[in-house]
Amino acid sequence: MPKSVLRQPGGRTMNEAAPKYVEISRRIEEHIQQGRWTGRMPGVRALARDYQTSVVTTSRALQELAERGLIQTVERSGCFVRSNTTATRTAAATSVTAAETWGICLRLTPGPWRQATEATIREGFTAAARRDGCQVRFDLFPTDAPEPELTRMVRGAGVNGLFFLPSRVSEAAGSRDEVLLNACKAAGLPFVLVERNLRGDRPLAADVVGYDDLEAGRTVTRHLVDLGRRPVFVTGSPTSSHQTRRAGYLLALAGTGATPVTIEQPPDVSPKDAYAAVADRILATKADAVLCYQDYTALGVILELLHRGKRVPADVAVAGVEDLPIGNTFALGVTTYAFSSEELALRGFHLMRERVRRPDAPLVRVAVSGRLVVRESTTGRKRARPGSDGDDNGT
């Protein structure tokens, strides 16, 4: 009797006992048609685990699908689904990931700690780019260029998207940030905001990859309350990150009987004068604990309190957020909530690619989690455990 034959997808015939890779390619094709993946697919090893076969067989199955035009393989970037309804958008996305270079624009607050903060962010993005296989470019786009000129610069920048850390220093700076984002829109360049939305009470301007500021404020405040303290909160500017950290502070105080107090760090003065003013306000409230919106302010407040003869933490416990390097430089380390700038960048790369593939999707905010790091500024001197750096970490 003649052997029965089956017709493969694409018109070829084969014996009924199909090779394993053909079986796998059929199953993958079925899942593609069911909408299991849009855009980038899982890696070969992940697919091999899912379909309980070898990497070699899975690779051959993917090659089969690529030859038939159902997927597209991009070197060092993976495989991407192609279909009649998504071919154009997917092709655009794969052309980005094939040789993607992301621009990084940081509008950091001027001051003595600016370079150190910038170095931390740069190191995070650079390390993440090495892990991810993409490239990053810094120092893009001046703040004072008019919008038509910025649009030309954006078009000629040679990047596939822009990660932008908005300024928080003034309303005028926030308006200049809007000019840059309008230039990106005019040039068709996708962008993702880093850490915070535009300054002030502005609607969400773009996707944001930031830290879990609510949990940071809640966790550090809870730590202070558990020590029997009644903390106040120090904020720096009307930005979403500071406001959300304050919301975490308020959440942690709810039901404790403590009265919430917010102290604003004065703008338009030197850091020395600002820290002095904050310390005076803290003492005026008779607070015995303070949570500062970030570590530099926490350290400045500690120095001012010590200058006034107050003991830290015996009289006033002080904590910050972000685990900036200076917070663990001196004998009196700053209790803080630590985040990873590298993890922030990796999540940002994923968010940017999703925006490229789905340009009309609703705006989202991705929050990167962190951990509480307890140091001497809230608990006093401790003997470091052998092999440790002196931090007492908890979650």
Protein backbone atom coordinates (compact mmCIF):
# COMPACT_ATOMS: atom_id res chain seq x y z
CA MET A 1 0.00 0.00 0.00
CA PRO A 2 1.31 3.45 -0.73
CA LYS A 3 2.36 5.42 2.26
CA SER A 4 -0.10 8.07 3.29
CA VAL A 5 1.27 11.54 2.97
CA LEU A 6 0.58 14.76 4.79
CA ARG A 7 1.04 18.15 3.27
CA GLN A 8 3.30 20.40 5.30
CA PRO A 9 2.46 24.03 5.76
CA GLY A 10 3.89 25.73 2.68
CA GLY A 11 2.85 23.00 0.24
CA ARG A 12 5.53 20.33 0.73
CA THR A 13 4.68 16.67 1.32
CA MET A 14 6.14 14.39 3.94
CA ASN A 15 5.74 10.91 5.34
CA GLU A 16 3.20 10.49 8.12
CA ALA A 17 6.03 10.02 10.61
CA ALA A 18 7.09 13.68 10.59
CA PRO A 19 10.46 14.73 11.97
CA LYS A 20 10.38 16.04 15.51
CA TYR A 21 11.28 19.59 14.48
CA VAL A 22 8.26 19.70 12.14
CA GLU A 23 5.98 18.67 14.98
CA ILE A 24 7.43 21.42 17.16
CA SER A 25 7.16 23.99 14.38
CA ARG A 26 3.47 23.11 13.96
CA ARG A 27 2.83 23.54 17.67
CA ILE A 28 4.64 26.88 17.74
CA GLU A 29 2.71 28.02 14.66
CA GLU A 30 -0.57 27.07 16.33
CA HIS A 31 0.34 29.06 19.41
CA ILE A 32 1.32 32.05 17.27
CA GLN A 33 -2.06 31.93 15.56
CA GLN A 34 -3.74 31.78 18.96
CA GLY A 35 -1.97 35.01 19.92
CA ARG A 36 0.30 33.48 22.55
CA TRP A 37 3.10 35.83 21.48
CA THR A 38 3.12 39.20 19.77
CA GLY A 39 6.44 40.69 18.82
CA ARG A 40 9.42 39.13 20.55
CA MET A 41 9.26 35.41 21.35
CA PRO A 42 10.95 33.59 24.23
CA GLY A 43 14.53 32.42 23.69
CA VAL A 44 15.42 29.04 22.22
CA ARG A 45 16.19 27.45 25.58
CA ALA A 46 12.92 28.65 27.09
CA LEU A 47 10.97 27.29 24.12
CA ALA A 48 12.84 23.99 24.35
CA ARG A 49 11.74 23.68 27.97
CA ASP A 50 8.16 24.63 27.13
CA TYR A 51 7.91 22.04 24.34
CA GLN A 52 10.01 19.42 26.18
CA THR A 53 12.53 18.95 23.42
CA SER A 54 16.16 19.76 22.70
CA VAL A 55 17.62 23.13 21.83
CA VAL A 56 18.76 21.73 18.47
CA THR A 57 15.26 20.56 17.58
CA THR A 58 13.75 23.87 18.68
CA SER A 59 16.30 25.82 16.63
CA ARG A 60 15.45 23.77 13.55
CA ALA A 61 11.73 24.35 14.16
CA LEU A 62 12.29 28.09 14.35
CA GLN A 63 14.35 27.97 11.16
CA GLU A 64 11.42 26.23 9.49
CA LEU A 65 9.04 28.96 10.60
CA ALA A 66 11.47 31.68 9.51
CA GLU A 67 11.81 30.14 6.06
CA ARG A 68 8.05 30.30 5.71
CA GLY A 69 7.92 33.94 6.80
CA LEU A 70 5.97 33.40 10.03
CA ILE A 71 8.76 34.70 12.23
CA GLN A 72 11.85 36.82 11.74
CA THR A 73 15.17 36.08 13.39
CA VAL A 74 17.40 39.00 14.35
CA GLU A 75 20.98 38.28 15.31
CA ARG A 76 21.61 38.68 19.07
CA SER A 77 18.02 39.84 19.54
CA GLY A 78 15.93 36.71 19.09
CA CYS A 79 12.85 35.77 17.09
CA PHE A 80 9.86 38.00 16.37
CA VAL A 81 6.36 37.06 15.27
CA ARG A 82 5.24 38.24 11.85
CA SER A 83 1.62 38.16 10.67
CA ASN A 84 -0.61 39.90 8.15
CA THR A 85 -1.91 42.27 10.82
CA THR A 86 1.37 42.97 12.61
CA ALA A 87 4.01 42.56 9.91
CA THR A 88 4.68 46.25 9.45
CA ARG A 89 4.88 47.05 13.15
CA THR A 90 6.93 43.93 13.92
CA ALA A 91 9.36 44.72 11.12
CA ALA A 92 9.86 48.16 12.61
CA ALA A 93 10.41 46.68 16.03
CA THR A 94 12.94 44.11 14.80
CA SER A 95 14.84 46.73 12.85
CA VAL A 96 15.23 48.62 16.15
CA THR A 97 16.37 45.63 18.15
CA ALA A 98 18.78 44.53 15.41
CA ALA A 99 21.10 47.44 16.15
CA GLU A 100 19.40 49.37 18.93
CA THR A 101 21.08 52.34 20.53
CA TRP A 102 19.26 54.18 23.28
CA GLY A 103 19.92 57.80 24.14
CA ILE A 104 20.12 58.84 27.80
CA CYS A 105 19.37 62.43 28.78
CA LEU A 106 19.69 63.31 32.48
CA ARG A 107 18.43 66.64 33.79
CA LEU A 108 19.89 66.33 37.29
CA THR A 109 19.62 68.94 40.00
CA PRO A 110 22.72 71.18 40.19
CA GLY A 111 24.70 70.88 43.39
CA PRO A 112 27.73 69.29 45.04
CA TRP A 113 26.40 65.75 44.64
CA ARG A 114 25.34 65.96 41.00
CA GLN A 115 28.38 64.21 39.54
CA ALA A 116 28.16 61.33 41.99
CA THR A 117 24.45 60.82 41.27
CA GLU A 118 25.05 60.98 37.54
CA ALA A 119 27.88 58.45 37.81
CA THR A 120 25.57 56.02 39.63
CA ILE A 121 22.90 56.27 36.91
CA ARG A 122 25.46 56.01 34.10
CA GLU A 123 27.01 52.91 35.64
CA GLY A 124 23.59 51.30 35.96
CA PHE A 125 22.62 51.91 32.34
CA THR A 126 26.06 50.92 31.05
CA ALA A 127 26.05 47.64 33.00
CA ALA A 128 22.49 46.90 31.90
CA ALA A 129 23.40 47.57 28.25
CA ARG A 130 26.25 45.07 28.46
CA ARG A 131 23.89 42.44 29.84
CA ASP A 132 21.17 43.26 27.34
CA GLY A 133 23.31 43.50 24.21
CA CYS A 134 22.29 47.05 23.30
CA GLN A 135 24.18 50.34 23.33
CA VAL A 136 23.60 53.60 25.22
CA ARG A 137 24.67 57.17 24.50
CA PHE A 138 24.76 59.97 27.05
CA ASP A 139 24.92 63.76 26.98
CA LEU A 140 22.23 64.32 24.38
CA PHE A 141 20.23 67.50 23.69
CA PRO A 142 20.99 70.84 25.39
CA THR A 143 18.35 72.40 27.59
CA ASP A 144 18.28 75.83 25.92
CA ALA A 145 17.79 74.91 22.24
CA PRO A 146 14.51 76.06 20.63
CA GLU A 147 12.03 73.38 19.59
CA PRO A 148 12.68 73.46 15.79
CA GLU A 149 16.41 73.05 16.41
CA LEU A 150 15.79 70.31 18.96
CA THR A 151 13.60 68.46 16.46
CA ARG A 152 16.43 68.51 13.91
CA MET A 153 18.89 67.33 16.55
CA VAL A 154 16.58 64.52 17.62
CA ARG A 155 16.16 63.32 14.03
CA GLY A 156 19.90 63.28 13.51
CA ALA A 157 20.87 61.79 16.87
CA GLY A 158 21.20 58.24 15.58
CA VAL A 159 19.33 56.64 18.48
CA ASN A 160 16.26 54.41 18.47
CA GLY A 161 14.67 55.89 21.58
CA LEU A 162 15.34 58.27 24.44
CA PHE A 163 15.42 57.67 28.20
CA PHE A 164 14.82 61.02 29.85
CA LEU A 165 15.21 62.00 33.51
CA PRO A 166 13.23 65.26 33.86
CA SER A 167 14.42 68.23 35.86
CA ARG A 168 12.84 68.97 39.24
CA VAL A 169 14.40 72.34 40.00
CA SER A 170 11.79 74.80 38.70
CA GLU A 171 8.65 75.31 36.65
CA ALA A 172 10.78 76.88 33.90
CA ALA A 173 12.90 73.73 33.74
CA GLY A 174 9.74 71.63 33.53
CA SER A 175 8.58 73.71 30.56
CA ARG A 176 11.93 73.18 28.79
CA ASP A 177 11.54 69.46 29.35
CA GLU A 178 8.18 69.62 27.59
CA VAL A 179 9.88 71.30 24.63
CA LEU A 180 12.27 68.36 24.30
CA LEU A 181 9.49 65.78 24.49
CA ASN A 182 7.50 67.70 21.88
CA ALA A 183 10.58 67.58 19.65
CA CYS A 184 10.78 63.81 20.13
CA LYS A 185 7.12 63.47 19.17
CA ALA A 186 7.65 65.62 16.07
CA ALA A 187 10.64 63.49 15.07
CA GLY A 188 8.81 60.21 15.77
CA LEU A 189 11.33 59.18 18.43
CA PRO A 190 9.88 57.04 21.26
CA PHE A 191 10.83 58.06 24.79
CA VAL A 192 10.53 56.75 28.34
CA LEU A 193 10.80 58.89 31.45
CA VAL A 194 13.24 57.77 34.13
CA GLU A 195 12.36 57.90 37.84
CA ARG A 196 9.64 60.55 37.64
CA ASN A 197 7.06 62.38 35.57
CA LEU A 198 7.58 65.98 34.49
CA ARG A 199 7.74 68.43 37.37
CA GLY A 200 4.56 69.77 38.94
CA ASP A 201 0.94 68.80 38.51
CA ARG A 202 1.30 67.66 34.90
CA PRO A 203 -0.49 64.68 33.39
CA LEU A 204 1.61 61.62 32.73
CA ALA A 205 3.71 62.60 29.72
CA ALA A 206 5.04 59.16 28.77
CA ASP A 207 5.81 55.71 30.09
CA VAL A 208 7.84 55.94 33.30
CA VAL A 209 10.35 53.45 34.65
CA GLY A 210 11.00 54.38 38.26
CA TYR A 211 11.49 53.09 41.74
CA ASP A 212 8.78 51.82 44.05
CA ASP A 213 8.65 55.13 45.88
CA LEU A 214 5.44 54.31 47.74
CA GLU A 215 6.96 51.20 49.28
CA ALA A 216 10.18 53.07 50.04
CA GLY A 217 8.34 55.76 52.01
CA ARG A 218 6.13 53.22 53.75
CA THR A 219 8.92 50.82 54.71
CA VAL A 220 11.36 53.38 56.06
CA THR A 221 8.61 55.15 58.01
CA ARG A 222 7.47 51.83 59.44
CA HIS A 223 11.04 51.15 60.54
CA LEU A 224 11.15 54.47 62.40
CA VAL A 225 7.74 53.90 63.98
CA ASP A 226 8.80 50.42 65.11
CA LEU A 227 11.72 52.08 66.91
CA GLY A 228 9.17 54.08 68.89
CA ARG A 229 9.75 57.30 66.92
CA ARG A 230 7.36 59.88 65.47
CA PRO A 231 8.95 60.90 62.17
CA VAL A 232 8.48 63.96 60.00
CA PHE A 233 9.00 63.91 56.24
CA VAL A 234 11.31 66.21 54.26
CA THR A 235 10.46 66.77 50.60
CA GLY A 236 12.45 68.59 47.96
CA SER A 237 10.17 69.58 45.11
CA PRO A 238 6.73 68.94 43.58
CA THR A 239 7.77 65.88 41.60
CA SER A 240 6.01 62.53 41.38
CA SER A 241 8.83 60.61 43.08
CA HIS A 242 8.89 62.88 46.13
CA GLN A 243 5.11 63.01 46.33
CA THR A 244 4.84 59.24 46.15
CA ARG A 245 7.46 58.76 48.87
CA ARG A 246 5.47 61.16 51.01
CA ALA A 247 2.34 59.11 50.28
CA GLY A 248 4.15 56.05 51.62
CA TYR A 249 5.07 58.02 54.74
CA LEU A 250 1.45 59.02 55.27
CA LEU A 251 0.28 55.46 54.68
CA ALA A 252 2.66 54.09 57.31
CA LEU A 253 1.58 56.69 59.87
CA ALA A 254 -2.13 55.99 59.45
CA GLY A 255 -3.51 54.49 62.63
CA THR A 256 -0.38 55.10 64.70
CA GLY A 257 -1.65 58.23 66.43
CA ALA A 258 1.31 60.25 65.15
CA THR A 259 0.60 63.58 63.47
CA PRO A 260 2.06 63.77 59.94
CA VAL A 261 4.40 66.70 59.35
CA THR A 262 5.94 67.61 56.00
CA ILE A 263 8.92 69.97 55.77
CA GLU A 264 9.84 71.42 52.40
CA GLN A 265 13.51 71.90 51.64
CA PRO A 266 13.87 75.56 50.58
CA PRO A 267 14.54 76.07 46.85
CA ASP A 268 16.88 78.66 45.32
CA VAL A 269 19.36 78.61 48.20
CA SER A 270 22.68 76.85 48.66
CA PRO A 271 22.58 73.28 49.94
CA LYS A 272 24.25 74.41 53.17
CA ASP A 273 21.54 76.96 53.83
CA ALA A 274 18.81 74.54 52.79
CA TYR A 275 20.00 71.82 55.19
CA ALA A 276 20.30 74.36 57.99
CA ALA A 277 16.73 75.56 57.41
CA VAL A 278 15.42 71.99 57.39
CA ALA A 279 17.26 71.17 60.64
CA ASP A 280 15.76 74.25 62.30
CA ARG A 281 12.27 73.17 61.25
CA ILE A 282 12.85 69.64 62.53
CA LEU A 283 13.90 70.93 65.93
CA ALA A 284 10.97 73.35 66.01
CA THR A 285 8.53 70.45 65.60
CA LYS A 286 10.31 68.55 68.42
CA ALA A 287 10.44 65.52 66.13
CA ASP A 288 12.63 62.61 67.18
CA ALA A 289 12.91 61.11 63.69
CA VAL A 290 12.97 62.33 60.10
CA LEU A 291 12.66 60.66 56.71
CA CYS A 292 14.33 62.68 53.96
CA TYR A 293 13.36 62.29 50.32
CA GLN A 294 16.92 61.17 49.48
CA ASP A 295 20.25 60.38 51.11
CA TYR A 296 22.13 63.61 50.37
CA THR A 297 19.57 65.65 52.26
CA ALA A 298 19.61 63.07 55.07
CA LEU A 299 23.38 63.43 55.43
CA GLY A 300 23.16 67.23 55.30
CA VAL A 301 20.49 67.20 58.01
CA ILE A 302 22.61 64.87 60.17
CA LEU A 303 25.58 67.27 60.00
CA GLU A 304 23.37 70.24 60.88
CA LEU A 305 21.83 68.42 63.84
CA LEU A 306 25.26 67.41 65.14
CA HIS A 307 26.40 71.02 64.75
CA ARG A 308 23.48 72.04 66.99
CA GLY A 309 24.56 69.58 69.68
CA LYS A 310 21.91 66.95 68.90
CA ARG A 311 22.81 63.28 69.00
CA VAL A 312 21.99 61.09 66.00
CA PRO A 313 20.17 58.80 66.46
CA ALA A 314 19.70 59.18 70.23
CA ASP A 315 17.91 62.53 69.95
CA VAL A 316 16.84 62.41 66.31
CA ALA A 317 16.95 59.36 64.03
CA VAL A 318 17.50 60.23 60.36
CA ALA A 319 16.84 58.14 57.24
CA GLY A 320 16.89 58.68 53.48
CA VAL A 321 16.04 56.94 50.22
CA GLU A 322 18.03 55.61 47.23
CA ASP A 323 21.19 54.24 48.95
CA LEU A 324 23.53 56.71 47.28
CA PRO A 325 27.24 55.91 47.84
CA ILE A 326 27.89 58.79 50.24
CA GLY A 327 25.35 57.35 52.65
CA ASN A 328 27.75 54.57 53.66
CA THR A 329 31.00 56.51 53.43
CA PHE A 330 31.34 57.68 57.04
CA ALA A 331 31.19 56.03 60.46
CA LEU A 332 27.60 57.22 60.85
CA GLY A 333 25.97 55.48 57.90
CA VAL A 334 22.55 56.58 56.65
CA THR A 335 19.61 54.19 56.96
CA THR A 336 17.97 54.13 53.54
CA TYR A 337 15.87 52.26 51.01
CA ALA A 338 18.12 50.78 48.33
CA PHE A 339 17.33 50.48 44.64
CA SER A 340 19.32 49.09 41.72
CA SER A 341 19.94 51.50 38.85
CA GLU A 342 20.98 48.53 36.71
CA GLU A 343 17.63 46.83 37.29
CA LEU A 344 15.92 50.14 36.56
CA ALA A 345 17.70 50.31 33.20
CA LEU A 346 16.91 46.70 32.30
CA ARG A 347 13.22 47.22 33.04
CA GLY A 348 13.43 50.43 31.04
CA PHE A 349 14.82 48.64 27.97
CA HIS A 350 11.91 46.22 28.08
CA LEU A 351 9.42 49.04 28.50
CA MET A 352 10.91 50.94 25.56
CA ARG A 353 10.68 47.91 23.29
CA GLU A 354 7.07 47.40 24.25
CA ARG A 355 6.37 51.03 23.39
CA VAL A 356 8.07 50.59 20.00
CA ARG A 357 5.96 47.52 19.28
CA ARG A 358 2.73 49.00 20.63
CA PRO A 359 2.93 52.76 20.07
CA ASP A 360 -0.78 53.27 20.72
CA ALA A 361 -0.96 51.31 23.98
CA PRO A 362 -1.97 53.16 27.19
CA LEU A 363 0.85 54.79 29.13
CA VAL A 364 2.24 52.75 32.01
CA ARG A 365 4.50 53.25 35.00
CA VAL A 366 6.88 50.45 35.98
CA ALA A 367 8.04 50.44 39.62
CA VAL A 368 11.30 48.69 40.48
CA SER A 369 11.30 47.25 43.99
CA GLY A 370 14.07 47.71 46.55
CA ARG A 371 15.02 46.85 50.12
CA LEU A 372 15.47 48.51 53.49
CA VAL A 373 19.10 49.04 54.55
CA VAL A 374 19.45 49.83 58.26
CA ARG A 375 22.54 51.74 59.38
CA GLU A 376 23.76 53.78 62.32
CA SER A 377 21.68 56.92 61.68
CA THR A 378 18.60 55.19 63.12
CA THR A 379 19.93 52.39 65.34
CA GLY A 380 23.31 53.59 66.58
CA ARG A 381 26.69 51.90 66.29
CA LYS A 382 26.73 48.16 65.75
CA ARG A 383 29.55 45.71 65.53
CA ALA A 384 29.70 44.54 61.93
CA ARG A 385 29.39 40.83 61.33
CA PRO A 386 32.56 39.17 59.97
CA GLY A 387 32.66 39.55 56.20
CA SER A 388 29.87 42.14 56.11
CA ASP A 389 29.99 45.82 55.18
CA GLY A 390 28.21 46.85 58.34
CA ASP A 391 24.74 47.06 56.80
CA ASP A 392 21.78 45.41 58.48
CA ASN A 393 19.45 44.66 55.61
CA GLY A 394 15.81 43.78 55.79
CA THR A 395 12.70 43.88 53.71
